Amino acid sequence: MQWFTAAAWGALVVALTPTHGRALRHWMAAGLALAMAAQLWLLRMEGLLTLETGLPLHLCGLFGVLSIPLLYTKTPWLYELSAFLAAPAALSALAFPAVVPCRYPTLMLLAFSQLHALVALSPVSLWRMGKPLPTDPRRALVLGSGYLLLISAFNRATGANYLFLRSAPAGTPLWTLFARGGAFYVCSLALLCMTVFSLLSNLYGYLRK
């Protein structure tokens, strides 16, 4: 379901021309808000809406919120974080979905899929509307590292597991890294992030040409 949802939204983003930018922004913003509201409603229905599950502190949850103003303001630092950090993270989550089990698994997966698809497509939509892709990942790396430190402190204080820093979801590549120890896990994430940033910088530079 997640790839069908992503393909449907992706086809819409690709099909519309820059002259349809206003309508596309409205549809994507509404889709993001609806997906987040549906996930929170389902968590509440299941009695799972807690400090550890309900805050938009996972990277894709955060950009479920931040992508809405990004679509309208095209803020440079938000655009960089979206293109270099949030979009690849959302694609990874679509490939290895860690969905909270509930009595309505299809609806939860649909909301999860729509949220992550739209987070991944937000920088694509801005590019399609004429905003050049960012090519310098340094600010995104600094801001992303700062956010990681803040969430690490929050997790330590509350016992939460945002950004999967305390434990990785089973059945995902992150678990393979986490199984080798906490220090290895954190260092691997940092190296992986820098590698992805470098590859995307080259790709975005090519696309700008």
N, C-alpha and C. Protein backbone atom coordinates (compact mmCIF):
# COMPACT_ATOMS: atom_id res chain seq x y z
N MET A 1 0.81 -1.21 0.00
CA MET A 1 0.00 0.00 0.00
C MET A 1 0.85 1.27 0.00
N GLN A 2 1.99 1.22 0.71
CA GLN A 2 2.78 2.44 0.83
C GLN A 2 3.31 2.93 -0.51
N TRP A 3 3.70 1.99 -1.39
CA TRP A 3 4.23 2.42 -2.68
C TRP A 3 3.12 2.85 -3.63
N PHE A 4 1.95 2.27 -3.50
CA PHE A 4 0.81 2.72 -4.31
C PHE A 4 0.45 4.15 -3.92
N THR A 5 0.42 4.43 -2.62
CA THR A 5 0.11 5.79 -2.15
C THR A 5 1.16 6.78 -2.63
N ALA A 6 2.44 6.39 -2.50
CA ALA A 6 3.51 7.28 -2.96
C ALA A 6 3.44 7.51 -4.46
N ALA A 7 3.13 6.45 -5.22
CA ALA A 7 3.04 6.59 -6.67
C ALA A 7 1.89 7.50 -7.07
N ALA A 8 0.77 7.39 -6.37
CA ALA A 8 -0.39 8.22 -6.69
C ALA A 8 -0.08 9.70 -6.46
N TRP A 9 0.50 10.02 -5.31
CA TRP A 9 0.86 11.41 -5.04
C TRP A 9 1.99 11.87 -5.97
N GLY A 10 2.94 10.98 -6.24
CA GLY A 10 4.04 11.33 -7.14
C GLY A 10 3.55 11.64 -8.54
N ALA A 11 2.58 10.86 -9.02
CA ALA A 11 2.02 11.12 -10.34
C ALA A 11 1.34 12.48 -10.39
N LEU A 12 0.68 12.85 -9.28
CA LEU A 12 0.03 14.16 -9.23
C LEU A 12 1.07 15.28 -9.28
N VAL A 13 2.15 15.13 -8.52
CA VAL A 13 3.19 16.16 -8.50
C VAL A 13 3.84 16.31 -9.87
N VAL A 14 4.09 15.19 -10.54
CA VAL A 14 4.75 15.22 -11.85
C VAL A 14 3.80 15.74 -12.93
N ALA A 15 2.52 15.38 -12.81
CA ALA A 15 1.57 15.73 -13.87
C ALA A 15 1.24 17.22 -13.88
N LEU A 16 1.21 17.85 -12.71
CA LEU A 16 0.82 19.25 -12.66
C LEU A 16 1.97 20.15 -13.06
N THR A 17 1.67 21.20 -13.77
CA THR A 17 2.67 22.17 -14.21
C THR A 17 2.83 23.25 -13.14
N PRO A 18 3.89 24.07 -13.23
CA PRO A 18 4.07 25.13 -12.25
C PRO A 18 2.87 26.07 -12.10
N THR A 19 2.05 26.19 -13.14
CA THR A 19 0.88 27.06 -13.04
C THR A 19 -0.17 26.50 -12.08
N HIS A 20 -0.06 25.22 -11.76
CA HIS A 20 -0.98 24.61 -10.80
C HIS A 20 -0.38 24.58 -9.40
N GLY A 21 0.67 25.36 -9.17
CA GLY A 21 1.39 25.30 -7.91
C GLY A 21 0.52 25.58 -6.69
N ARG A 22 -0.37 26.56 -6.80
CA ARG A 22 -1.21 26.91 -5.65
C ARG A 22 -2.12 25.76 -5.26
N ALA A 23 -2.77 25.15 -6.25
CA ALA A 23 -3.65 24.01 -5.96
C ALA A 23 -2.86 22.85 -5.38
N LEU A 24 -1.68 22.58 -5.95
CA LEU A 24 -0.85 21.47 -5.46
C LEU A 24 -0.45 21.70 -4.01
N ARG A 25 -0.05 22.92 -3.67
CA ARG A 25 0.31 23.23 -2.28
C ARG A 25 -0.87 22.95 -1.35
N HIS A 26 -2.07 23.39 -1.75
CA HIS A 26 -3.25 23.17 -0.90
C HIS A 26 -3.52 21.68 -0.71
N TRP A 27 -3.46 20.90 -1.79
CA TRP A 27 -3.74 19.46 -1.70
C TRP A 27 -2.71 18.75 -0.84
N MET A 28 -1.44 19.10 -1.02
CA MET A 28 -0.40 18.44 -0.24
C MET A 28 -0.49 18.82 1.23
N ALA A 29 -0.74 20.08 1.53
CA ALA A 29 -0.89 20.52 2.91
C ALA A 29 -2.07 19.82 3.58
N ALA A 30 -3.19 19.73 2.86
CA ALA A 30 -4.35 19.04 3.40
C ALA A 30 -4.06 17.55 3.60
N GLY A 31 -3.33 16.94 2.67
CA GLY A 31 -2.98 15.54 2.80
C GLY A 31 -2.08 15.28 4.00
N LEU A 32 -1.13 16.16 4.24
CA LEU A 32 -0.25 16.03 5.40
C LEU A 32 -1.05 16.16 6.70
N ALA A 33 -1.89 17.19 6.78
CA ALA A 33 -2.68 17.41 7.99
C ALA A 33 -3.63 16.24 8.25
N LEU A 34 -4.25 15.73 7.20
CA LEU A 34 -5.17 14.61 7.35
C LEU A 34 -4.46 13.35 7.82
N ALA A 35 -3.28 13.08 7.25
CA ALA A 35 -2.52 11.88 7.65
C ALA A 35 -2.10 11.96 9.11
N MET A 36 -1.61 13.12 9.53
CA MET A 36 -1.19 13.27 10.93
C MET A 36 -2.38 13.16 11.88
N ALA A 37 -3.51 13.79 11.51
CA ALA A 37 -4.70 13.73 12.36
C ALA A 37 -5.22 12.29 12.46
N ALA A 38 -5.19 11.56 11.36
CA ALA A 38 -5.66 10.17 11.37
C ALA A 38 -4.80 9.30 12.28
N GLN A 39 -3.49 9.49 12.23
CA GLN A 39 -2.60 8.69 13.08
C GLN A 39 -2.86 9.00 14.56
N LEU A 40 -3.01 10.28 14.90
CA LEU A 40 -3.27 10.66 16.29
C LEU A 40 -4.63 10.12 16.76
N TRP A 41 -5.63 10.18 15.89
CA TRP A 41 -6.96 9.67 16.24
C TRP A 41 -6.91 8.17 16.50
N LEU A 42 -6.20 7.44 15.65
CA LEU A 42 -6.09 6.00 15.83
C LEU A 42 -5.34 5.65 17.11
N LEU A 43 -4.27 6.39 17.39
CA LEU A 43 -3.54 6.16 18.64
C LEU A 43 -4.44 6.43 19.85
N ARG A 44 -5.23 7.48 19.78
CA ARG A 44 -6.15 7.79 20.88
C ARG A 44 -7.21 6.71 21.03
N MET A 45 -7.73 6.23 19.91
CA MET A 45 -8.73 5.16 19.95
C MET A 45 -8.19 3.90 20.63
N GLU A 46 -6.89 3.66 20.43
CA GLU A 46 -6.26 2.45 20.98
C GLU A 46 -5.70 2.67 22.38
N GLY A 47 -5.82 3.89 22.90
CA GLY A 47 -5.24 4.19 24.20
C GLY A 47 -3.72 4.27 24.17
N LEU A 48 -3.16 4.58 22.98
CA LEU A 48 -1.71 4.61 22.82
C LEU A 48 -1.15 6.02 22.63
N LEU A 49 -2.01 7.02 22.79
CA LEU A 49 -1.57 8.39 22.59
C LEU A 49 -0.91 8.90 23.87
N THR A 50 0.41 8.83 23.90
CA THR A 50 1.17 9.20 25.08
C THR A 50 2.31 10.12 24.69
N LEU A 51 3.06 10.55 25.68
CA LEU A 51 4.24 11.38 25.43
C LEU A 51 5.25 10.66 24.55
N GLU A 52 5.29 9.34 24.65
CA GLU A 52 6.26 8.55 23.90
C GLU A 52 5.83 8.29 22.46
N THR A 53 4.54 8.50 22.14
CA THR A 53 4.06 8.17 20.79
C THR A 53 3.43 9.35 20.05
N GLY A 54 2.92 10.34 20.77
CA GLY A 54 2.08 11.35 20.14
C GLY A 54 2.76 12.61 19.67
N LEU A 55 3.98 12.87 20.08
CA LEU A 55 4.65 14.11 19.69
C LEU A 55 5.30 13.96 18.31
N PRO A 56 5.28 15.02 17.50
CA PRO A 56 5.91 14.95 16.17
C PRO A 56 7.42 15.17 16.25
N LEU A 57 8.10 14.25 16.92
CA LEU A 57 9.54 14.40 17.12
C LEU A 57 10.37 13.43 16.29
N HIS A 58 9.74 12.36 15.80
CA HIS A 58 10.43 11.57 14.78
C HIS A 58 10.64 12.48 13.57
N LEU A 59 11.66 12.22 12.80
CA LEU A 59 12.01 13.13 11.71
C LEU A 59 10.85 13.33 10.73
N CYS A 60 10.18 12.25 10.37
CA CYS A 60 9.08 12.38 9.41
C CYS A 60 7.85 13.03 10.04
N GLY A 61 7.64 12.80 11.34
CA GLY A 61 6.56 13.49 12.03
C GLY A 61 6.83 14.98 12.09
N LEU A 62 8.08 15.33 12.40
CA LEU A 62 8.46 16.74 12.44
C LEU A 62 8.22 17.42 11.10
N PHE A 63 8.60 16.72 10.01
CA PHE A 63 8.44 17.32 8.70
C PHE A 63 7.04 17.12 8.13
N GLY A 64 6.24 16.28 8.80
CA GLY A 64 4.82 16.31 8.51
C GLY A 64 4.23 17.66 8.89
N VAL A 65 4.75 18.23 9.97
CA VAL A 65 4.34 19.57 10.41
C VAL A 65 5.05 20.66 9.60
N LEU A 66 6.38 20.56 9.49
CA LEU A 66 7.15 21.65 8.88
C LEU A 66 6.99 21.73 7.37
N SER A 67 6.59 20.63 6.74
CA SER A 67 6.42 20.67 5.28
C SER A 67 5.25 21.56 4.87
N ILE A 68 4.30 21.77 5.76
CA ILE A 68 3.16 22.63 5.42
C ILE A 68 3.61 24.08 5.25
N PRO A 69 4.30 24.70 6.23
CA PRO A 69 4.80 26.05 5.95
C PRO A 69 5.86 26.08 4.85
N LEU A 70 6.64 25.00 4.71
CA LEU A 70 7.64 24.95 3.65
C LEU A 70 6.99 25.10 2.28
N LEU A 71 5.86 24.44 2.06
CA LEU A 71 5.18 24.49 0.77
C LEU A 71 4.76 25.91 0.40
N TYR A 72 4.52 26.75 1.41
CA TYR A 72 4.03 28.10 1.14
C TYR A 72 5.12 29.16 1.20
N THR A 73 6.13 28.94 2.04
CA THR A 73 7.14 29.98 2.24
C THR A 73 8.46 29.70 1.51
N LYS A 74 8.73 28.43 1.20
CA LYS A 74 9.98 28.03 0.55
C LYS A 74 11.21 28.51 1.33
N THR A 75 11.12 28.45 2.68
CA THR A 75 12.21 28.89 3.55
C THR A 75 13.48 28.10 3.23
N PRO A 76 14.60 28.79 2.94
CA PRO A 76 15.81 28.08 2.47
C PRO A 76 16.29 26.97 3.39
N TRP A 77 16.40 27.24 4.71
CA TRP A 77 16.94 26.20 5.59
C TRP A 77 15.97 25.03 5.75
N LEU A 78 14.67 25.31 5.70
CA LEU A 78 13.70 24.22 5.73
C LEU A 78 13.78 23.38 4.46
N TYR A 79 13.96 24.07 3.34
CA TYR A 79 14.08 23.37 2.06
C TYR A 79 15.30 22.46 2.05
N GLU A 80 16.41 22.94 2.60
CA GLU A 80 17.62 22.12 2.66
C GLU A 80 17.42 20.90 3.55
N LEU A 81 16.83 21.11 4.72
CA LEU A 81 16.58 19.98 5.61
C LEU A 81 15.61 18.98 4.98
N SER A 82 14.60 19.50 4.29
CA SER A 82 13.64 18.63 3.64
C SER A 82 14.28 17.81 2.54
N ALA A 83 15.10 18.45 1.71
CA ALA A 83 15.70 17.78 0.56
C ALA A 83 16.81 16.81 0.96
N PHE A 84 17.61 17.18 1.94
CA PHE A 84 18.76 16.35 2.30
C PHE A 84 18.46 15.33 3.40
N LEU A 85 17.56 15.67 4.31
CA LEU A 85 17.37 14.83 5.49
C LEU A 85 16.00 14.15 5.52
N ALA A 86 14.93 14.95 5.45
CA ALA A 86 13.59 14.39 5.63
C ALA A 86 13.17 13.50 4.47
N ALA A 87 13.43 13.93 3.24
CA ALA A 87 12.99 13.14 2.09
C ALA A 87 13.62 11.75 2.04
N PRO A 88 14.95 11.62 2.17
CA PRO A 88 15.51 10.25 2.17
C PRO A 88 15.06 9.43 3.38
N ALA A 89 14.86 10.09 4.53
CA ALA A 89 14.37 9.36 5.70
C ALA A 89 12.96 8.83 5.45
N ALA A 90 12.12 9.65 4.81
CA ALA A 90 10.75 9.22 4.52
C ALA A 90 10.74 8.06 3.53
N LEU A 91 11.60 8.11 2.52
CA LEU A 91 11.68 7.00 1.57
C LEU A 91 12.13 5.73 2.26
N SER A 92 13.08 5.84 3.18
CA SER A 92 13.52 4.66 3.94
C SER A 92 12.38 4.09 4.78
N ALA A 93 11.59 4.99 5.37
CA ALA A 93 10.46 4.53 6.18
C ALA A 93 9.40 3.84 5.32
N LEU A 94 9.21 4.30 4.09
CA LEU A 94 8.28 3.63 3.19
C LEU A 94 8.77 2.23 2.81
N ALA A 95 10.10 2.11 2.66
CA ALA A 95 10.67 0.81 2.31
C ALA A 95 10.62 -0.16 3.49
N PHE A 96 10.77 0.36 4.71
CA PHE A 96 10.78 -0.48 5.91
C PHE A 96 9.82 0.14 6.94
N PRO A 97 8.52 0.03 6.71
CA PRO A 97 7.54 0.71 7.57
C PRO A 97 7.51 0.14 8.98
N ALA A 98 7.62 1.03 9.96
CA ALA A 98 7.48 0.66 11.36
C ALA A 98 6.17 1.26 11.85
N VAL A 99 5.07 0.54 11.59
CA VAL A 99 3.73 1.04 11.87
C VAL A 99 3.26 0.50 13.22
N VAL A 100 2.68 1.38 14.03
CA VAL A 100 2.17 0.97 15.34
C VAL A 100 1.01 0.00 15.15
N PRO A 101 1.05 -1.19 15.75
CA PRO A 101 -0.06 -2.14 15.62
C PRO A 101 -1.34 -1.60 16.27
N CYS A 102 -2.46 -1.81 15.61
CA CYS A 102 -3.74 -1.38 16.16
C CYS A 102 -4.86 -2.22 15.56
N ARG A 103 -6.10 -1.92 15.96
CA ARG A 103 -7.24 -2.69 15.47
C ARG A 103 -7.60 -2.34 14.02
N TYR A 104 -7.06 -1.25 13.54
CA TYR A 104 -7.34 -0.81 12.18
C TYR A 104 -6.03 -0.68 11.39
N PRO A 105 -5.36 -1.81 11.14
CA PRO A 105 -4.03 -1.75 10.54
C PRO A 105 -4.01 -1.14 9.14
N THR A 106 -5.06 -1.37 8.35
CA THR A 106 -5.08 -0.81 6.99
C THR A 106 -5.17 0.71 7.03
N LEU A 107 -6.01 1.23 7.90
CA LEU A 107 -6.14 2.68 8.01
C LEU A 107 -4.87 3.31 8.57
N MET A 108 -4.26 2.65 9.54
CA MET A 108 -3.00 3.17 10.10
C MET A 108 -1.90 3.16 9.04
N LEU A 109 -1.82 2.09 8.26
CA LEU A 109 -0.81 2.01 7.21
C LEU A 109 -1.06 3.06 6.13
N LEU A 110 -2.34 3.31 5.81
CA LEU A 110 -2.66 4.33 4.82
C LEU A 110 -2.23 5.71 5.29
N ALA A 111 -2.53 6.04 6.55
CA ALA A 111 -2.12 7.34 7.09
C ALA A 111 -0.61 7.46 7.14
N PHE A 112 0.05 6.38 7.59
CA PHE A 112 1.52 6.35 7.63
C PHE A 112 2.10 6.56 6.24
N SER A 113 1.55 5.86 5.26
CA SER A 113 2.07 5.93 3.89
C SER A 113 1.88 7.32 3.30
N GLN A 114 0.71 7.90 3.51
CA GLN A 114 0.46 9.23 2.96
C GLN A 114 1.37 10.27 3.58
N LEU A 115 1.55 10.20 4.89
CA LEU A 115 2.43 11.16 5.56
C LEU A 115 3.85 11.08 4.99
N HIS A 116 4.39 9.88 4.92
CA HIS A 116 5.78 9.73 4.49
C HIS A 116 5.95 10.02 2.99
N ALA A 117 4.95 9.67 2.20
CA ALA A 117 5.02 9.98 0.77
C ALA A 117 5.05 11.49 0.55
N LEU A 118 4.22 12.22 1.27
CA LEU A 118 4.16 13.67 1.09
C LEU A 118 5.40 14.37 1.65
N VAL A 119 5.96 13.84 2.72
CA VAL A 119 7.22 14.40 3.23
C VAL A 119 8.32 14.23 2.18
N ALA A 120 8.37 13.05 1.57
CA ALA A 120 9.39 12.79 0.54
C ALA A 120 9.17 13.65 -0.70
N LEU A 121 7.91 13.94 -1.02
CA LEU A 121 7.60 14.66 -2.25
C LEU A 121 7.60 16.18 -2.08
N SER A 122 7.66 16.68 -0.86
CA SER A 122 7.62 18.12 -0.66
C SER A 122 8.75 18.86 -1.38
N PRO A 123 10.02 18.44 -1.24
CA PRO A 123 11.06 19.14 -1.99
C PRO A 123 10.94 18.94 -3.49
N VAL A 124 10.41 17.79 -3.91
CA VAL A 124 10.20 17.54 -5.34
C VAL A 124 9.18 18.52 -5.90
N SER A 125 8.11 18.77 -5.13
CA SER A 125 7.07 19.69 -5.60
C SER A 125 7.61 21.11 -5.73
N LEU A 126 8.46 21.52 -4.78
CA LEU A 126 9.04 22.87 -4.87
C LEU A 126 9.96 22.98 -6.09
N TRP A 127 10.70 21.93 -6.34
CA TRP A 127 11.56 21.91 -7.53
C TRP A 127 10.72 21.97 -8.80
N ARG A 128 9.64 21.22 -8.82
CA ARG A 128 8.75 21.24 -9.98
C ARG A 128 8.12 22.62 -10.18
N MET A 129 7.95 23.36 -9.10
CA MET A 129 7.37 24.70 -9.19
C MET A 129 8.41 25.77 -9.48
N GLY A 130 9.66 25.35 -9.73
CA GLY A 130 10.67 26.29 -10.19
C GLY A 130 11.72 26.69 -9.19
N LYS A 131 11.69 26.16 -7.95
CA LYS A 131 12.72 26.50 -6.97
C LYS A 131 13.90 25.56 -7.14
N PRO A 132 15.10 26.08 -7.44
CA PRO A 132 16.27 25.20 -7.65
C PRO A 132 16.56 24.33 -6.43
N LEU A 133 16.95 23.11 -6.67
CA LEU A 133 17.30 22.22 -5.57
C LEU A 133 18.55 22.72 -4.85
N PRO A 134 18.62 22.56 -3.53
CA PRO A 134 19.83 22.96 -2.80
C PRO A 134 20.98 22.01 -3.11
N THR A 135 22.19 22.52 -3.11
CA THR A 135 23.35 21.68 -3.40
C THR A 135 24.38 21.67 -2.27
N ASP A 136 24.23 22.54 -1.29
CA ASP A 136 25.17 22.61 -0.17
C ASP A 136 24.51 22.01 1.07
N PRO A 137 24.96 20.85 1.52
CA PRO A 137 24.29 20.17 2.64
C PRO A 137 24.82 20.57 4.01
N ARG A 138 25.77 21.51 4.08
CA ARG A 138 26.44 21.77 5.36
C ARG A 138 25.48 22.30 6.42
N ARG A 139 24.61 23.23 6.06
CA ARG A 139 23.68 23.76 7.05
C ARG A 139 22.72 22.67 7.52
N ALA A 140 22.26 21.84 6.60
CA ALA A 140 21.37 20.75 6.98
C ALA A 140 22.06 19.77 7.93
N LEU A 141 23.36 19.53 7.70
CA LEU A 141 24.10 18.62 8.58
C LEU A 141 24.23 19.20 9.98
N VAL A 142 24.53 20.49 10.07
CA VAL A 142 24.67 21.13 11.38
C VAL A 142 23.33 21.14 12.12
N LEU A 143 22.27 21.58 11.44
CA LEU A 143 20.96 21.64 12.07
C LEU A 143 20.45 20.24 12.44
N GLY A 144 20.68 19.27 11.56
CA GLY A 144 20.26 17.91 11.85
C GLY A 144 21.00 17.33 13.05
N SER A 145 22.29 17.63 13.15
CA SER A 145 23.07 17.14 14.29
C SER A 145 22.59 17.77 15.58
N GLY A 146 22.29 19.07 15.53
CA GLY A 146 21.76 19.74 16.72
C GLY A 146 20.43 19.15 17.15
N TYR A 147 19.57 18.85 16.19
CA TYR A 147 18.28 18.25 16.51
C TYR A 147 18.46 16.87 17.13
N LEU A 148 19.40 16.10 16.60
CA LEU A 148 19.67 14.78 17.15
C LEU A 148 20.09 14.88 18.62
N LEU A 149 20.92 15.85 18.95
CA LEU A 149 21.35 16.02 20.34
C LEU A 149 20.18 16.40 21.24
N LEU A 150 19.31 17.28 20.75
CA LEU A 150 18.14 17.68 21.54
C LEU A 150 17.22 16.49 21.80
N ILE A 151 16.97 15.69 20.78
CA ILE A 151 16.08 14.55 20.95
C ILE A 151 16.72 13.48 21.83
N SER A 152 18.03 13.34 21.73
CA SER A 152 18.73 12.40 22.60
C SER A 152 18.54 12.79 24.06
N ALA A 153 18.64 14.08 24.35
CA ALA A 153 18.44 14.56 25.72
C ALA A 153 16.98 14.37 26.15
N PHE A 154 16.05 14.62 25.25
CA PHE A 154 14.63 14.42 25.56
C PHE A 154 14.34 12.96 25.84
N ASN A 155 14.89 12.07 25.02
CA ASN A 155 14.70 10.64 25.25
C ASN A 155 15.24 10.21 26.61
N ARG A 156 16.41 10.73 26.93
CA ARG A 156 17.03 10.35 28.21
C ARG A 156 16.18 10.82 29.39
N ALA A 157 15.57 12.00 29.23
CA ALA A 157 14.78 12.56 30.33
C ALA A 157 13.42 11.89 30.48
N THR A 158 12.86 11.41 29.39
CA THR A 158 11.48 10.90 29.42
C THR A 158 11.37 9.39 29.22
N GLY A 159 12.44 8.76 28.74
CA GLY A 159 12.36 7.34 28.42
C GLY A 159 11.75 7.05 27.08
N ALA A 160 11.53 8.09 26.26
CA ALA A 160 10.97 7.90 24.92
C ALA A 160 12.04 7.38 23.97
N ASN A 161 11.63 7.08 22.72
CA ASN A 161 12.56 6.52 21.75
C ASN A 161 12.42 7.24 20.40
N TYR A 162 12.31 8.56 20.46
CA TYR A 162 12.19 9.32 19.22
C TYR A 162 13.51 9.26 18.44
N LEU A 163 13.38 9.28 17.12
CA LEU A 163 14.48 9.09 16.17
C LEU A 163 15.10 7.70 16.30
N PHE A 164 14.45 6.83 17.07
CA PHE A 164 14.94 5.46 17.28
C PHE A 164 16.38 5.46 17.79
N LEU A 165 16.66 6.41 18.68
CA LEU A 165 18.02 6.51 19.22
C LEU A 165 18.28 5.52 20.34
N ARG A 166 17.24 5.13 21.07
CA ARG A 166 17.43 4.18 22.18
C ARG A 166 17.31 2.74 21.72
N SER A 167 16.55 2.52 20.67
CA SER A 167 16.37 1.17 20.12
C SER A 167 15.84 1.29 18.70
N ALA A 168 16.30 0.43 17.82
CA ALA A 168 15.88 0.48 16.41
C ALA A 168 14.71 -0.48 16.19
N PRO A 169 13.85 -0.18 15.22
CA PRO A 169 12.73 -1.09 14.92
C PRO A 169 13.24 -2.42 14.37
N ALA A 170 12.70 -3.51 14.87
CA ALA A 170 13.08 -4.83 14.38
C ALA A 170 12.69 -4.99 12.92
N GLY A 171 13.53 -5.72 12.19
CA GLY A 171 13.23 -5.99 10.79
C GLY A 171 13.64 -4.89 9.83
N THR A 172 14.34 -3.90 10.32
CA THR A 172 14.83 -2.81 9.47
C THR A 172 16.36 -2.82 9.46
N PRO A 173 16.98 -2.16 8.46
CA PRO A 173 18.45 -2.07 8.45
C PRO A 173 19.00 -1.40 9.71
N LEU A 174 18.21 -0.51 10.33
CA LEU A 174 18.68 0.14 11.55
C LEU A 174 18.93 -0.88 12.66
N TRP A 175 18.12 -1.94 12.69
CA TRP A 175 18.31 -2.95 13.72
C TRP A 175 19.65 -3.66 13.56
N THR A 176 20.06 -3.87 12.34
CA THR A 176 21.35 -4.52 12.08
C THR A 176 22.48 -3.69 12.67
N LEU A 177 22.37 -2.37 12.54
CA LEU A 177 23.38 -1.49 13.11
C LEU A 177 23.28 -1.44 14.62
N PHE A 178 22.05 -1.35 15.14
CA PHE A 178 21.85 -1.23 16.58
C PHE A 178 22.32 -2.48 17.32
N ALA A 179 22.19 -3.64 16.67
CA ALA A 179 22.56 -4.90 17.33
C ALA A 179 24.05 -4.97 17.65
N ARG A 180 24.83 -4.10 17.02
CA ARG A 180 26.29 -4.13 17.26
C ARG A 180 26.72 -3.16 18.35
N GLY A 181 25.76 -2.54 19.03
CA GLY A 181 26.09 -1.68 20.16
C GLY A 181 25.72 -0.23 19.91
N GLY A 182 25.48 0.49 21.00
CA GLY A 182 25.03 1.87 20.90
C GLY A 182 26.01 2.80 20.21
N ALA A 183 27.29 2.70 20.56
CA ALA A 183 28.29 3.59 19.96
C ALA A 183 28.42 3.32 18.47
N PHE A 184 28.45 2.05 18.10
CA PHE A 184 28.52 1.69 16.68
C PHE A 184 27.29 2.22 15.94
N TYR A 185 26.13 2.12 16.58
CA TYR A 185 24.87 2.55 15.98
C TYR A 185 24.90 4.05 15.68
N VAL A 186 25.26 4.84 16.66
CA VAL A 186 25.26 6.30 16.49
C VAL A 186 26.31 6.73 15.46
N CYS A 187 27.49 6.16 15.53
CA CYS A 187 28.53 6.50 14.55
C CYS A 187 28.14 6.08 13.14
N SER A 188 27.50 4.93 13.03
CA SER A 188 27.05 4.46 11.71
C SER A 188 25.99 5.38 11.14
N LEU A 189 25.08 5.85 11.99
CA LEU A 189 24.05 6.78 11.52
C LEU A 189 24.67 8.07 11.02
N ALA A 190 25.68 8.57 11.74
CA ALA A 190 26.34 9.81 11.33
C ALA A 190 27.05 9.63 9.99
N LEU A 191 27.77 8.52 9.83
CA LEU A 191 28.47 8.26 8.57
C LEU A 191 27.50 8.04 7.43
N LEU A 192 26.42 7.33 7.70
CA LEU A 192 25.41 7.11 6.67
C LEU A 192 24.78 8.42 6.23
N CYS A 193 24.50 9.28 7.20
CA CYS A 193 23.91 10.57 6.90
C CYS A 193 24.84 11.40 6.02
N MET A 194 26.12 11.45 6.35
CA MET A 194 27.08 12.23 5.56
C MET A 194 27.22 11.66 4.15
N THR A 195 27.18 10.34 4.04
CA THR A 195 27.27 9.71 2.71
C THR A 195 26.06 10.07 1.85
N VAL A 196 24.88 9.98 2.45
CA VAL A 196 23.65 10.33 1.72
C VAL A 196 23.67 11.80 1.31
N PHE A 197 24.11 12.67 2.21
CA PHE A 197 24.18 14.10 1.90
C PHE A 197 25.10 14.35 0.71
N SER A 198 26.24 13.66 0.70
CA SER A 198 27.20 13.85 -0.40
C SER A 198 26.61 13.38 -1.73
N LEU A 199 25.98 12.22 -1.71
CA LEU A 199 25.37 11.69 -2.94
C LEU A 199 24.25 12.59 -3.44
N LEU A 200 23.42 13.07 -2.52
CA LEU A 200 22.32 13.94 -2.92
C LEU A 200 22.83 15.29 -3.42
N SER A 201 23.90 15.77 -2.83
CA SER A 201 24.47 17.03 -3.30
C SER A 201 24.89 16.93 -4.76
N ASN A 202 25.52 15.81 -5.10
CA ASN A 202 25.91 15.59 -6.50
C ASN A 202 24.69 15.44 -7.41
N LEU A 203 23.68 14.70 -6.93
CA LEU A 203 22.48 14.50 -7.73
C LEU A 203 21.73 15.83 -7.95
N TYR A 204 21.59 16.61 -6.90
CA TYR A 204 20.87 17.87 -7.03
C TYR A 204 21.64 18.85 -7.93
N GLY A 205 22.97 18.81 -7.82
CA GLY A 205 23.77 19.66 -8.69
C GLY A 205 23.59 19.28 -10.16
N TYR A 206 23.51 18.00 -10.41
CA TYR A 206 23.28 17.52 -11.79
C TYR A 206 21.91 17.96 -12.29
N LEU A 207 20.89 17.83 -11.45
CA LEU A 207 19.54 18.19 -11.85
C LEU A 207 19.39 19.70 -12.08
N ARG A 208 20.17 20.49 -11.34
CA ARG A 208 20.10 21.95 -11.53
C ARG A 208 20.64 22.36 -12.88
N LYS A 209 21.52 21.53 -13.45
CA LYS A 209 22.10 21.86 -14.75
C LYS A 209 21.09 21.58 -15.88
